[in-house]
Amino acid sequence: MARRVLLSARAQKWLHCEVAYLAERSAPAARRLLERIKDARRQLATFPRSGRPGLVPGTRRLVLGRYVLTYRRRGTDDLEIIDIRHGRQAETSDL
């Protein structure tokens, strides 16, 4: 059974802003980021314990080049990416 990997509203907003920022500077870079996120979602659907345990109990972190995805289980089968950030951005504690 295929597991869904959802994006929280926060992650969707961040991704939209980051893609817009990158697209202004380099359309290929924006496309690469979208592909990386798409690949990460496929990986998590198959291997839901990818990455390391997160700082907040019940979360895990997956590093994608310069980006860090924080995710958690949602329900029995689904996963939710709750935060995406560039590795140079400060950690957020309000997850």
Protein backbone atom coordinates (compact mmCIF):
# COMPACT_ATOMS: atom_id res chain seq x y z
CA MET A 1 0.00 0.00 0.00
CA ALA A 2 1.41 3.38 -1.00
CA ARG A 3 1.92 5.81 1.81
CA ARG A 4 1.13 9.46 1.26
CA VAL A 5 3.72 12.13 2.02
CA LEU A 6 1.95 15.42 2.61
CA LEU A 7 3.26 18.96 2.94
CA SER A 8 2.02 21.05 5.86
CA ALA A 9 0.74 24.55 5.11
CA ARG A 10 3.98 25.91 6.55
CA ALA A 11 6.13 23.71 4.29
CA GLN A 12 4.00 24.57 1.25
CA LYS A 13 4.38 28.29 1.94
CA TRP A 14 8.14 28.00 2.40
CA LEU A 15 8.51 25.94 -0.78
CA HIS A 16 6.45 28.41 -2.80
CA CYS A 17 8.54 31.35 -1.55
CA GLU A 18 11.86 29.56 -2.10
CA VAL A 19 10.93 28.47 -5.62
CA ALA A 20 9.84 32.03 -6.48
CA TYR A 21 13.12 33.39 -5.07
CA LEU A 22 15.19 30.87 -7.03
CA ALA A 23 13.17 31.32 -10.24
CA GLU A 24 14.00 35.04 -10.28
CA ARG A 25 17.69 34.14 -10.26
CA SER A 26 17.81 30.78 -12.04
CA ALA A 27 14.87 28.84 -13.46
CA PRO A 28 16.94 25.62 -13.58
CA ALA A 29 17.75 25.97 -9.86
CA ALA A 30 14.05 26.34 -9.06
CA ARG A 31 13.25 23.24 -11.11
CA ARG A 32 16.03 21.27 -9.38
CA LEU A 33 14.63 22.14 -5.96
CA LEU A 34 11.15 20.97 -6.99
CA GLU A 35 12.64 17.73 -8.34
CA ARG A 36 14.56 17.17 -5.11
CA ILE A 37 11.41 17.63 -3.04
CA LYS A 38 9.50 15.29 -5.36
CA ASP A 39 12.28 12.66 -5.07
CA ALA A 40 12.34 13.05 -1.28
CA ARG A 41 8.59 12.47 -1.10
CA ARG A 42 8.99 9.28 -3.13
CA GLN A 43 11.83 8.14 -0.89
CA LEU A 44 9.83 8.81 2.28
CA ALA A 45 6.82 6.96 0.86
CA THR A 46 9.03 3.89 0.44
CA PHE A 47 11.39 4.37 3.39
CA PRO A 48 9.48 6.29 6.09
CA ARG A 49 12.35 6.21 8.57
CA SER A 50 14.86 7.88 6.26
CA GLY A 51 17.08 10.45 7.85
CA ARG A 52 17.92 10.98 11.49
CA PRO A 53 15.68 11.56 14.49
CA GLY A 54 14.71 15.23 14.78
CA LEU A 55 15.16 17.58 17.70
CA VAL A 56 11.46 17.41 18.55
CA PRO A 57 10.28 13.97 19.71
CA GLY A 58 8.40 12.12 16.99
CA THR A 59 10.10 13.95 14.13
CA ARG A 60 12.83 12.94 11.71
CA ARG A 61 15.11 15.02 9.46
CA LEU A 62 16.15 14.28 5.93
CA VAL A 63 19.02 16.23 4.39
CA LEU A 64 18.72 17.01 0.67
CA GLY A 65 21.90 18.73 -0.36
CA ARG A 66 21.60 22.21 1.10
CA TYR A 67 18.06 21.69 2.41
CA VAL A 68 16.71 19.98 5.52
CA LEU A 69 13.21 18.48 5.66
CA THR A 70 11.60 17.79 9.02
CA TYR A 71 8.78 15.28 8.95
CA ARG A 72 6.60 13.15 11.20
CA ARG A 73 4.01 10.40 11.02
CA ARG A 74 0.47 11.57 10.41
CA GLY A 75 -2.10 8.95 11.28
CA THR A 76 -1.20 5.32 10.79
CA ASP A 77 0.32 5.34 7.30
CA ASP A 78 0.86 8.91 6.14
CA LEU A 79 3.83 11.20 6.69
CA GLU A 80 3.81 14.98 6.82
CA ILE A 81 6.71 17.24 5.94
CA ILE A 82 6.26 19.94 8.54
CA ASP A 83 9.26 22.12 7.80
CA ILE A 84 11.75 22.74 5.01
CA ARG A 85 14.68 25.08 5.37
CA HIS A 86 17.98 25.87 3.78
CA GLY A 87 20.84 24.47 5.86
CA ARG A 88 22.08 27.99 6.57
CA GLN A 89 18.73 29.12 7.96
CA ALA A 90 18.25 29.10 11.69
CA GLU A 91 16.38 26.21 13.28
CA THR A 92 12.76 26.87 14.17
CA SER A 93 11.48 25.72 17.51
CA ASP A 94 7.75 26.19 16.96
CA LEU A 95 7.10 22.91 15.15
